[in-house]
Amino acid sequence: MISLYKKLQQEREFVISNQILRSGTSIGANIEEALAGQSKRDFTAKMSISSKEARETKYWLRLLKESEITSIGVDSLILNIDELIRILTSIVKTSQQNLTKS
């Protein structure tokens, strides 16, 4: 995401690049917070935020691709974010189920 941000900045695309940087880096930051969570509920909440940020990042990547405001290819990033969304969704669902069992 940071590399894409830098490329977009070089092309003088500032709005979407800032959005992608913000949401894309928030994914990892919230995962790190989840891993240091004070409770199972805290872990689940932070992972849920990561999942939402991943979905937002996918939105910005799709918008970037479909708007054709740049020639930078983002297809592989969209595939990667799709996989990450699936992983995070699975983690959140499992964590929520474990919360109800406790």
N, C-alpha and C. Protein backbone atom coordinates (compact mmCIF):
# COMPACT_ATOMS: atom_id res chain seq x y z
N MET A 1 0.82 -1.19 0.00
CA MET A 1 0.00 0.00 0.00
C MET A 1 0.87 1.26 0.00
N ILE A 2 1.96 1.21 0.71
CA ILE A 2 2.83 2.38 0.76
C ILE A 2 3.48 2.61 -0.59
N SER A 3 3.87 1.54 -1.26
CA SER A 3 4.45 1.67 -2.61
C SER A 3 3.44 2.25 -3.58
N LEU A 4 2.22 1.76 -3.51
CA LEU A 4 1.16 2.28 -4.38
C LEU A 4 0.92 3.75 -4.07
N TYR A 5 0.88 4.09 -2.80
CA TYR A 5 0.70 5.48 -2.38
C TYR A 5 1.78 6.37 -3.00
N LYS A 6 3.03 5.94 -2.92
CA LYS A 6 4.13 6.73 -3.47
C LYS A 6 3.99 6.92 -4.98
N LYS A 7 3.61 5.84 -5.67
CA LYS A 7 3.43 5.94 -7.12
C LYS A 7 2.30 6.91 -7.48
N LEU A 8 1.21 6.82 -6.73
CA LEU A 8 0.08 7.72 -6.99
C LEU A 8 0.45 9.16 -6.69
N GLN A 9 1.21 9.38 -5.65
CA GLN A 9 1.66 10.73 -5.32
C GLN A 9 2.53 11.29 -6.45
N GLN A 10 3.38 10.45 -7.02
CA GLN A 10 4.22 10.89 -8.14
C GLN A 10 3.37 11.29 -9.34
N GLU A 11 2.24 10.63 -9.49
CA GLU A 11 1.32 10.97 -10.59
C GLU A 11 0.37 12.09 -10.21
N ARG A 12 0.58 12.66 -9.05
CA ARG A 12 -0.21 13.78 -8.53
C ARG A 12 -1.67 13.42 -8.29
N GLU A 13 -1.89 12.17 -7.88
CA GLU A 13 -3.22 11.73 -7.48
C GLU A 13 -3.19 11.69 -5.95
N PHE A 14 -3.86 12.65 -5.33
CA PHE A 14 -3.72 12.83 -3.89
C PHE A 14 -4.90 12.31 -3.07
N VAL A 15 -6.09 12.38 -3.59
CA VAL A 15 -7.26 12.02 -2.79
C VAL A 15 -7.32 10.51 -2.54
N ILE A 16 -7.37 9.74 -3.61
CA ILE A 16 -7.47 8.28 -3.46
C ILE A 16 -6.19 7.72 -2.84
N SER A 17 -5.05 8.28 -3.17
CA SER A 17 -3.79 7.78 -2.59
C SER A 17 -3.81 7.92 -1.08
N ASN A 18 -4.31 9.03 -0.58
CA ASN A 18 -4.39 9.23 0.87
C ASN A 18 -5.38 8.26 1.51
N GLN A 19 -6.49 8.01 0.86
CA GLN A 19 -7.48 7.07 1.38
C GLN A 19 -6.91 5.65 1.43
N ILE A 20 -6.22 5.26 0.37
CA ILE A 20 -5.63 3.92 0.31
C ILE A 20 -4.56 3.76 1.38
N LEU A 21 -3.74 4.78 1.55
CA LEU A 21 -2.70 4.71 2.58
C LEU A 21 -3.33 4.57 3.96
N ARG A 22 -4.36 5.36 4.23
CA ARG A 22 -4.99 5.34 5.55
C ARG A 22 -5.66 4.00 5.84
N SER A 23 -6.52 3.54 4.93
CA SER A 23 -7.23 2.29 5.20
C SER A 23 -6.32 1.08 5.08
N GLY A 24 -5.40 1.12 4.12
CA GLY A 24 -4.51 -0.02 3.91
C GLY A 24 -3.55 -0.26 5.06
N THR A 25 -3.04 0.80 5.65
CA THR A 25 -2.12 0.62 6.78
C THR A 25 -2.88 0.39 8.09
N SER A 26 -4.12 0.79 8.14
CA SER A 26 -4.93 0.56 9.33
C SER A 26 -5.20 -0.92 9.55
N ILE A 27 -5.23 -1.69 8.49
CA ILE A 27 -5.48 -3.14 8.60
C ILE A 27 -4.45 -3.76 9.54
N GLY A 28 -3.18 -3.56 9.20
CA GLY A 28 -2.10 -4.13 10.00
C GLY A 28 -2.03 -3.57 11.40
N ALA A 29 -2.29 -2.27 11.54
CA ALA A 29 -2.24 -1.65 12.85
C ALA A 29 -3.29 -2.26 13.78
N ASN A 30 -4.48 -2.50 13.26
CA ASN A 30 -5.53 -3.10 14.08
C ASN A 30 -5.27 -4.57 14.38
N ILE A 31 -4.63 -5.27 13.47
CA ILE A 31 -4.24 -6.67 13.75
C ILE A 31 -3.22 -6.69 14.88
N GLU A 32 -2.25 -5.79 14.83
CA GLU A 32 -1.26 -5.71 15.91
C GLU A 32 -1.92 -5.43 17.24
N GLU A 33 -2.88 -4.51 17.25
CA GLU A 33 -3.62 -4.21 18.48
C GLU A 33 -4.41 -5.43 18.95
N ALA A 34 -4.99 -6.16 18.01
CA ALA A 34 -5.76 -7.36 18.37
C ALA A 34 -4.87 -8.40 19.04
N LEU A 35 -3.67 -8.56 18.51
CA LEU A 35 -2.75 -9.56 19.07
C LEU A 35 -2.34 -9.21 20.50
N ALA A 36 -2.43 -7.93 20.83
CA ALA A 36 -2.11 -7.49 22.19
C ALA A 36 -3.38 -7.21 22.98
N GLY A 37 -4.49 -7.72 22.50
CA GLY A 37 -5.78 -7.46 23.13
C GLY A 37 -5.83 -7.89 24.58
N GLN A 38 -6.59 -7.16 25.35
CA GLN A 38 -6.69 -7.43 26.78
C GLN A 38 -7.71 -8.52 27.09
N SER A 39 -8.52 -8.85 26.11
CA SER A 39 -9.54 -9.89 26.30
C SER A 39 -9.91 -10.48 24.94
N LYS A 40 -10.66 -11.56 24.98
CA LYS A 40 -11.13 -12.16 23.73
C LYS A 40 -12.06 -11.19 22.99
N ARG A 41 -12.86 -10.48 23.76
CA ARG A 41 -13.78 -9.50 23.16
C ARG A 41 -12.99 -8.38 22.47
N ASP A 42 -11.93 -7.92 23.11
CA ASP A 42 -11.07 -6.88 22.54
C ASP A 42 -10.40 -7.38 21.26
N PHE A 43 -9.90 -8.62 21.30
CA PHE A 43 -9.30 -9.23 20.11
C PHE A 43 -10.30 -9.26 18.95
N THR A 44 -11.51 -9.72 19.24
CA THR A 44 -12.55 -9.82 18.21
C THR A 44 -12.90 -8.45 17.64
N ALA A 45 -13.02 -7.47 18.50
CA ALA A 45 -13.37 -6.11 18.05
C ALA A 45 -12.30 -5.55 17.12
N LYS A 46 -11.04 -5.71 17.48
CA LYS A 46 -9.95 -5.17 16.65
C LYS A 46 -9.85 -5.91 15.33
N MET A 47 -10.05 -7.21 15.35
CA MET A 47 -10.01 -7.98 14.10
C MET A 47 -11.18 -7.59 13.20
N SER A 48 -12.30 -7.28 13.81
CA SER A 48 -13.46 -6.83 13.04
C SER A 48 -13.17 -5.49 12.37
N ILE A 49 -12.50 -4.61 13.08
CA ILE A 49 -12.11 -3.32 12.48
C ILE A 49 -11.15 -3.56 11.33
N SER A 50 -10.20 -4.49 11.50
CA SER A 50 -9.27 -4.81 10.42
C SER A 50 -10.01 -5.30 9.17
N SER A 51 -11.02 -6.13 9.39
CA SER A 51 -11.81 -6.64 8.28
C SER A 51 -12.53 -5.49 7.55
N LYS A 52 -13.09 -4.57 8.32
CA LYS A 52 -13.78 -3.43 7.71
C LYS A 52 -12.81 -2.54 6.94
N GLU A 53 -11.62 -2.34 7.49
CA GLU A 53 -10.61 -1.53 6.80
C GLU A 53 -10.15 -2.21 5.51
N ALA A 54 -10.07 -3.54 5.53
CA ALA A 54 -9.69 -4.28 4.32
C ALA A 54 -10.75 -4.10 3.24
N ARG A 55 -12.01 -4.13 3.64
CA ARG A 55 -13.09 -3.92 2.69
C ARG A 55 -13.08 -2.50 2.13
N GLU A 56 -12.77 -1.54 2.98
CA GLU A 56 -12.67 -0.17 2.50
C GLU A 56 -11.51 -0.03 1.52
N THR A 57 -10.40 -0.67 1.82
CA THR A 57 -9.24 -0.62 0.93
C THR A 57 -9.59 -1.23 -0.42
N LYS A 58 -10.33 -2.33 -0.40
CA LYS A 58 -10.76 -2.95 -1.66
C LYS A 58 -11.62 -1.98 -2.47
N TYR A 59 -12.49 -1.26 -1.79
CA TYR A 59 -13.32 -0.26 -2.47
C TYR A 59 -12.44 0.76 -3.19
N TRP A 60 -11.45 1.31 -2.49
CA TRP A 60 -10.59 2.33 -3.09
C TRP A 60 -9.77 1.76 -4.24
N LEU A 61 -9.32 0.52 -4.12
CA LEU A 61 -8.58 -0.11 -5.22
C LEU A 61 -9.47 -0.30 -6.44
N ARG A 62 -10.71 -0.76 -6.21
CA ARG A 62 -11.64 -0.92 -7.33
C ARG A 62 -11.95 0.41 -7.98
N LEU A 63 -12.15 1.42 -7.16
CA LEU A 63 -12.44 2.76 -7.69
C LEU A 63 -11.25 3.27 -8.51
N LEU A 64 -10.08 3.04 -8.01
CA LEU A 64 -8.88 3.45 -8.73
C LEU A 64 -8.79 2.75 -10.09
N LYS A 65 -9.07 1.47 -10.10
CA LYS A 65 -9.02 0.69 -11.35
C LYS A 65 -10.09 1.14 -12.33
N GLU A 66 -11.32 1.25 -11.86
CA GLU A 66 -12.44 1.55 -12.74
C GLU A 66 -12.47 3.00 -13.21
N SER A 67 -11.89 3.89 -12.44
CA SER A 67 -11.89 5.31 -12.82
C SER A 67 -10.87 5.61 -13.92
N GLU A 68 -9.89 4.73 -14.04
CA GLU A 68 -8.83 4.88 -15.05
C GLU A 68 -8.09 6.22 -14.91
N ILE A 69 -7.95 6.72 -13.68
CA ILE A 69 -7.21 7.96 -13.48
C ILE A 69 -5.70 7.71 -13.42
N THR A 70 -5.33 6.44 -13.45
CA THR A 70 -3.92 6.07 -13.47
C THR A 70 -3.76 4.80 -14.30
N SER A 71 -2.56 4.58 -14.78
CA SER A 71 -2.29 3.35 -15.51
C SER A 71 -1.63 2.30 -14.61
N ILE A 72 -1.48 2.62 -13.35
CA ILE A 72 -0.89 1.68 -12.40
C ILE A 72 -1.84 0.50 -12.23
N GLY A 73 -1.32 -0.71 -12.44
CA GLY A 73 -2.14 -1.91 -12.29
C GLY A 73 -2.36 -2.27 -10.84
N VAL A 74 -3.61 -2.52 -10.50
CA VAL A 74 -3.94 -2.88 -9.11
C VAL A 74 -4.63 -4.24 -9.01
N ASP A 75 -4.69 -4.99 -10.14
CA ASP A 75 -5.38 -6.27 -10.12
C ASP A 75 -4.81 -7.23 -9.08
N SER A 76 -3.49 -7.31 -8.97
CA SER A 76 -2.90 -8.23 -8.00
C SER A 76 -3.18 -7.77 -6.58
N LEU A 77 -3.23 -6.46 -6.36
CA LEU A 77 -3.57 -5.96 -5.03
C LEU A 77 -5.01 -6.28 -4.66
N ILE A 78 -5.90 -6.23 -5.64
CA ILE A 78 -7.30 -6.57 -5.40
C ILE A 78 -7.42 -8.06 -5.04
N LEU A 79 -6.68 -8.91 -5.74
CA LEU A 79 -6.69 -10.34 -5.41
C LEU A 79 -6.15 -10.56 -4.00
N ASN A 80 -5.08 -9.87 -3.65
CA ASN A 80 -4.49 -10.02 -2.32
C ASN A 80 -5.45 -9.54 -1.23
N ILE A 81 -6.11 -8.43 -1.47
CA ILE A 81 -7.02 -7.90 -0.46
C ILE A 81 -8.24 -8.80 -0.32
N ASP A 82 -8.68 -9.42 -1.42
CA ASP A 82 -9.78 -10.39 -1.35
C ASP A 82 -9.41 -11.55 -0.44
N GLU A 83 -8.20 -12.06 -0.60
CA GLU A 83 -7.73 -13.17 0.24
C GLU A 83 -7.65 -12.74 1.70
N LEU A 84 -7.14 -11.55 1.93
CA LEU A 84 -7.04 -11.03 3.30
C LEU A 84 -8.43 -10.87 3.93
N ILE A 85 -9.38 -10.40 3.15
CA ILE A 85 -10.76 -10.25 3.64
C ILE A 85 -11.32 -11.60 4.05
N ARG A 86 -11.08 -12.62 3.24
CA ARG A 86 -11.57 -13.97 3.57
C ARG A 86 -10.95 -14.47 4.88
N ILE A 87 -9.65 -14.25 5.04
CA ILE A 87 -8.96 -14.69 6.25
C ILE A 87 -9.51 -13.95 7.48
N LEU A 88 -9.60 -12.64 7.37
CA LEU A 88 -10.09 -11.84 8.50
C LEU A 88 -11.53 -12.17 8.85
N THR A 89 -12.36 -12.38 7.84
CA THR A 89 -13.76 -12.74 8.07
C THR A 89 -13.84 -14.06 8.82
N SER A 90 -13.03 -15.02 8.44
CA SER A 90 -13.00 -16.31 9.12
C SER A 90 -12.55 -16.16 10.58
N ILE A 91 -11.53 -15.36 10.80
CA ILE A 91 -11.04 -15.12 12.17
C ILE A 91 -12.13 -14.48 13.02
N VAL A 92 -12.80 -13.47 12.46
CA VAL A 92 -13.84 -12.77 13.21
C VAL A 92 -15.00 -13.71 13.53
N LYS A 93 -15.45 -14.49 12.55
CA LYS A 93 -16.56 -15.41 12.79
C LYS A 93 -16.22 -16.44 13.86
N THR A 94 -15.03 -17.02 13.76
CA THR A 94 -14.60 -18.00 14.76
C THR A 94 -14.49 -17.37 16.14
N SER A 95 -13.93 -16.18 16.20
CA SER A 95 -13.79 -15.47 17.48
C SER A 95 -15.14 -15.15 18.09
N GLN A 96 -16.09 -14.73 17.26
CA GLN A 96 -17.44 -14.43 17.77
C GLN A 96 -18.11 -15.70 18.29
N GLN A 97 -17.93 -16.81 17.59
CA GLN A 97 -18.50 -18.08 18.05
C GLN A 97 -17.89 -18.49 19.38
N ASN A 98 -16.59 -18.30 19.52
CA ASN A 98 -15.91 -18.66 20.76
C ASN A 98 -16.36 -17.78 21.92
N LEU A 99 -16.72 -16.53 21.62
CA LEU A 99 -17.22 -15.63 22.66
C LEU A 99 -18.55 -16.12 23.22
N THR A 100 -19.41 -16.62 22.33
CA THR A 100 -20.73 -17.07 22.77
C THR A 100 -20.65 -18.40 23.54
N LYS A 101 -19.58 -19.15 23.31
CA LYS A 101 -19.39 -20.43 24.02
C LYS A 101 -18.83 -20.20 25.42
N SER A 102 -18.16 -19.07 25.63
CA SER A 102 -17.53 -18.81 26.94
C SER A 102 -18.51 -18.48 28.02
